[in-house]
Amino acid sequence: MLKQDLIAALRKASGGAEFISQKELMTVLGFKDPHRIRELVTGVSRIGKRYYLPEVAGRIMQEVRRG
């Protein structure tokens, strides 16, 4: 999956917004543990409790590459 495809999927889950909540991320990624999502979004730019999609997608791609 390409980063742009991931951004598009995250944008769809967030209702077309450029920022996404932890709850929306959990739904899209199929995670049940909120601690795992917090690990992904640590250090990502945010406004309130919503995180900037391109940075979140970049973090996810890094995790995928690590295996």
N, C-alpha and C. Protein backbone atom coordinates (compact mmCIF):
# COMPACT_ATOMS: atom_id res chain seq x y z
N MET A 1 0.84 -1.17 0.00
CA MET A 1 0.00 0.00 0.00
C MET A 1 0.89 1.25 0.00
N LEU A 2 0.55 2.18 -0.82
CA LEU A 2 1.28 3.43 -0.89
C LEU A 2 0.79 4.40 0.18
N LYS A 3 1.67 5.34 0.54
CA LYS A 3 1.31 6.32 1.55
C LYS A 3 0.08 7.12 1.13
N GLN A 4 -0.02 7.48 -0.15
CA GLN A 4 -1.16 8.25 -0.63
C GLN A 4 -2.47 7.46 -0.51
N ASP A 5 -2.40 6.15 -0.73
CA ASP A 5 -3.58 5.30 -0.55
C ASP A 5 -4.01 5.27 0.91
N LEU A 6 -3.02 5.19 1.78
CA LEU A 6 -3.29 5.18 3.21
C LEU A 6 -3.91 6.51 3.65
N ILE A 7 -3.37 7.61 3.17
CA ILE A 7 -3.92 8.93 3.49
C ILE A 7 -5.37 9.01 3.02
N ALA A 8 -5.66 8.51 1.84
CA ALA A 8 -7.04 8.53 1.32
C ALA A 8 -7.97 7.71 2.20
N ALA A 9 -7.53 6.55 2.66
CA ALA A 9 -8.35 5.72 3.53
C ALA A 9 -8.59 6.39 4.88
N LEU A 10 -7.55 7.02 5.42
CA LEU A 10 -7.69 7.72 6.69
C LEU A 10 -8.60 8.94 6.55
N ARG A 11 -8.46 9.64 5.43
CA ARG A 11 -9.30 10.82 5.17
C ARG A 11 -10.78 10.40 5.09
N LYS A 12 -11.02 9.27 4.44
CA LYS A 12 -12.40 8.77 4.33
C LYS A 12 -12.95 8.44 5.72
N ALA A 13 -12.14 7.81 6.56
CA ALA A 13 -12.56 7.45 7.91
C ALA A 13 -12.82 8.68 8.78
N SER A 14 -12.14 9.78 8.46
CA SER A 14 -12.30 11.00 9.26
C SER A 14 -13.37 11.92 8.67
N GLY A 15 -14.08 11.45 7.69
CA GLY A 15 -15.15 12.25 7.09
C GLY A 15 -14.63 13.33 6.16
N GLY A 16 -13.47 13.10 5.57
CA GLY A 16 -12.90 14.06 4.61
C GLY A 16 -12.01 15.11 5.24
N ALA A 17 -11.78 15.02 6.54
CA ALA A 17 -10.95 16.00 7.24
C ALA A 17 -9.46 15.68 7.08
N GLU A 18 -8.62 16.67 7.39
CA GLU A 18 -7.17 16.49 7.34
C GLU A 18 -6.62 15.97 8.67
N PHE A 19 -7.48 15.89 9.67
CA PHE A 19 -7.08 15.42 10.99
C PHE A 19 -7.98 14.27 11.39
N ILE A 20 -7.43 13.34 12.21
CA ILE A 20 -8.17 12.14 12.59
C ILE A 20 -8.00 11.89 14.09
N SER A 21 -9.03 11.37 14.71
CA SER A 21 -8.99 11.07 16.15
C SER A 21 -8.43 9.67 16.38
N GLN A 22 -8.04 9.42 17.62
CA GLN A 22 -7.55 8.08 17.97
C GLN A 22 -8.64 7.04 17.77
N LYS A 23 -9.87 7.38 18.10
CA LYS A 23 -10.97 6.43 17.94
C LYS A 23 -11.18 6.06 16.47
N GLU A 24 -11.12 7.06 15.58
CA GLU A 24 -11.25 6.79 14.14
C GLU A 24 -10.09 5.93 13.65
N LEU A 25 -8.88 6.19 14.16
CA LEU A 25 -7.72 5.37 13.79
C LEU A 25 -7.91 3.92 14.24
N MET A 26 -8.40 3.75 15.45
CA MET A 26 -8.64 2.39 15.95
C MET A 26 -9.60 1.64 15.03
N THR A 27 -10.64 2.32 14.60
CA THR A 27 -11.64 1.70 13.73
C THR A 27 -11.02 1.31 12.39
N VAL A 28 -10.30 2.24 11.77
CA VAL A 28 -9.75 2.00 10.43
C VAL A 28 -8.66 0.93 10.45
N LEU A 29 -7.84 0.91 11.51
CA LEU A 29 -6.74 -0.04 11.58
C LEU A 29 -7.14 -1.37 12.22
N GLY A 30 -8.33 -1.41 12.82
CA GLY A 30 -8.80 -2.64 13.44
C GLY A 30 -8.14 -2.95 14.77
N PHE A 31 -7.59 -1.92 15.43
CA PHE A 31 -6.95 -2.13 16.72
C PHE A 31 -7.98 -2.08 17.83
N LYS A 32 -7.78 -2.89 18.84
CA LYS A 32 -8.67 -2.87 20.00
C LYS A 32 -7.99 -2.21 21.20
N ASP A 33 -6.67 -2.11 21.17
CA ASP A 33 -5.90 -1.56 22.28
C ASP A 33 -5.56 -0.09 22.01
N PRO A 34 -6.12 0.84 22.79
CA PRO A 34 -5.84 2.26 22.57
C PRO A 34 -4.38 2.63 22.82
N HIS A 35 -3.66 1.84 23.60
CA HIS A 35 -2.25 2.13 23.85
C HIS A 35 -1.43 2.01 22.57
N ARG A 36 -1.78 1.10 21.73
CA ARG A 36 -1.06 0.92 20.45
C ARG A 36 -1.24 2.15 19.56
N ILE A 37 -2.44 2.72 19.57
CA ILE A 37 -2.69 3.93 18.78
C ILE A 37 -1.88 5.09 19.35
N ARG A 38 -1.83 5.20 20.67
CA ARG A 38 -1.04 6.28 21.29
C ARG A 38 0.42 6.19 20.89
N GLU A 39 0.95 4.98 20.78
CA GLU A 39 2.33 4.81 20.33
C GLU A 39 2.51 5.36 18.92
N LEU A 40 1.54 5.11 18.06
CA LEU A 40 1.62 5.59 16.67
C LEU A 40 1.57 7.10 16.57
N VAL A 41 0.77 7.75 17.41
CA VAL A 41 0.55 9.19 17.25
C VAL A 41 1.47 10.05 18.12
N THR A 42 2.30 9.42 18.94
CA THR A 42 3.23 10.18 19.77
C THR A 42 4.16 11.01 18.88
N GLY A 43 4.17 12.32 19.12
CA GLY A 43 5.04 13.22 18.36
C GLY A 43 4.44 13.76 17.07
N VAL A 44 3.24 13.32 16.73
CA VAL A 44 2.57 13.77 15.50
C VAL A 44 1.87 15.11 15.78
N SER A 45 1.90 16.02 14.82
CA SER A 45 1.22 17.31 14.95
C SER A 45 -0.26 17.08 15.19
N ARG A 46 -0.83 17.90 16.07
CA ARG A 46 -2.24 17.72 16.37
C ARG A 46 -2.90 19.04 16.72
N ILE A 47 -4.20 19.02 16.62
CA ILE A 47 -5.04 20.11 17.08
C ILE A 47 -6.05 19.47 18.02
N GLY A 48 -5.97 19.82 19.28
CA GLY A 48 -6.84 19.17 20.28
C GLY A 48 -6.52 17.69 20.35
N LYS A 49 -7.52 16.88 20.08
CA LYS A 49 -7.34 15.42 20.13
C LYS A 49 -7.34 14.80 18.74
N ARG A 50 -7.08 15.60 17.73
CA ARG A 50 -7.07 15.10 16.35
C ARG A 50 -5.67 15.27 15.77
N TYR A 51 -5.24 14.27 15.00
CA TYR A 51 -3.87 14.18 14.52
C TYR A 51 -3.81 14.38 13.00
N TYR A 52 -2.72 15.02 12.54
CA TYR A 52 -2.54 15.36 11.13
C TYR A 52 -2.31 14.10 10.30
N LEU A 53 -3.21 13.88 9.33
CA LEU A 53 -3.23 12.64 8.54
C LEU A 53 -1.91 12.27 7.86
N PRO A 54 -1.27 13.18 7.11
CA PRO A 54 -0.03 12.77 6.44
C PRO A 54 1.05 12.29 7.41
N GLU A 55 1.13 12.90 8.58
CA GLU A 55 2.13 12.45 9.56
C GLU A 55 1.75 11.09 10.15
N VAL A 56 0.47 10.90 10.42
CA VAL A 56 0.01 9.60 10.92
C VAL A 56 0.29 8.51 9.89
N ALA A 57 0.00 8.80 8.63
CA ALA A 57 0.25 7.82 7.56
C ALA A 57 1.75 7.50 7.47
N GLY A 58 2.58 8.51 7.61
CA GLY A 58 4.03 8.29 7.60
C GLY A 58 4.47 7.38 8.73
N ARG A 59 3.90 7.59 9.92
CA ARG A 59 4.23 6.74 11.06
C ARG A 59 3.80 5.31 10.82
N ILE A 60 2.62 5.12 10.26
CA ILE A 60 2.12 3.77 9.97
C ILE A 60 3.03 3.09 8.97
N MET A 61 3.44 3.82 7.94
CA MET A 61 4.34 3.25 6.93
C MET A 61 5.67 2.84 7.55
N GLN A 62 6.19 3.64 8.48
CA GLN A 62 7.42 3.27 9.17
C GLN A 62 7.26 1.97 9.94
N GLU A 63 6.13 1.82 10.61
CA GLU A 63 5.87 0.61 11.38
C GLU A 63 5.77 -0.61 10.47
N VAL A 64 5.15 -0.44 9.31
CA VAL A 64 5.01 -1.54 8.36
C VAL A 64 6.40 -1.96 7.85
N ARG A 65 7.25 -1.00 7.56
CA ARG A 65 8.60 -1.31 7.06
C ARG A 65 9.43 -2.04 8.10
N ARG A 66 9.24 -1.68 9.37
CA ARG A 66 10.00 -2.34 10.46
C ARG A 66 9.60 -3.80 10.62
N GLY A 67 8.34 -4.06 10.31
CA GLY A 67 7.86 -5.44 10.37
C GLY A 67 7.32 -5.77 11.66
